[in-house]
Amino acid sequence: MCELLGMSANVPTDIRFSFAALARRGGETGPHADGWGISFYEGRGCRAFHEPEPSARSELAKLLRSAPIKSRIVIAHVRKANRGRVSLENTHPFSRELWGRRWTFAHNGQLRGVKKWPLTWFRPVGSTDSEYAFCWMMDQLQARWPKNPTKLPSASQLDVAVAELCAKLHGLGVFNMLLSDSRTLYAHCGKRLCYLTRRAPFGTATLVDEDWRVDFSRETTADDVVTVVATKALTRDECWTDVERGHVLSLRDGAVRILKPGARKAVAAGPCSAGAPA
């Protein structure tokens, strides 16, 4: 299985702290040694870095750990290959253009039979079931709302549509997923996913995978809101909330809204109840 990392924030935010933990799980503290990738949004633009190598031993990953690239939406992935050979074209996150926006997608799990589903406009470059599922989702969205700028979906309509597509893919197997169109970060839990929101008053946090501790009160302002989504908790002294299977998170500017299976409207997530810094 692979591991995912996503971030949504209301201001451009440095992801190095969380990425350091994920990168070590790519072949050192975890078995995910078959490639890694990370995408940073800047407006509609997107910086992306990929390698079909273990992130724990990657010079490029080390460079990114030292480069303070700030973004409001980030998607990252470390891969443990189960379908599709280890290669650059099979390395997540994948991206496509739709409605003049760059969509980015990363997946953890296996989807039995997804390649039997027909595709119309979008085609995979690699051989993974993950990229095929992404192309199918893009196909379905384009079919619902053709590229007419006067008829594009509202944010709430898109929330429901993405949740419906996730539910269908969830029926094929394990579908842990991150998806973004540069405005919203979507996260679907098929088996395991968790998140935390950091806001004032900010506390300190220590990584699980290495001895790195940060006092966020020194790195933020009182108005900052940052939500991090991960396959497994990245810090040992913060309140991480498990996402229920089949639920979709819709994250905008760090705020979390939850879509339950079959729901037609997202509801705001409640605060962390454990009392730890969040």
Foldseek 3Di string as FASTA:
>chain_A
DKKKKKKAALDFFFCLLLLVLNLCLQVHVHPLFQKKKKWADDQLDIDIDIDRGRSNPDPVNVVSSVDRGTHRIMIMMRHDDDWFHRDRLPYDFDWDDDLNGIKTKDWDWAFPPLVVDDADPDDRPTTGSRSSLVRVLRRVQCVVPPNDVVGHDDPLVVVQSVLVSQLVRLVRTFTFMWMDRSFKIKTAGSDAKKKAKAAPPAAKWAFPRDGDIDGCNVVDDRPMIMMMMMRDDGTDFAQIGIDDHSKMWIDGNNWTWIDHVPDSGTHGDDHRDPPTGD
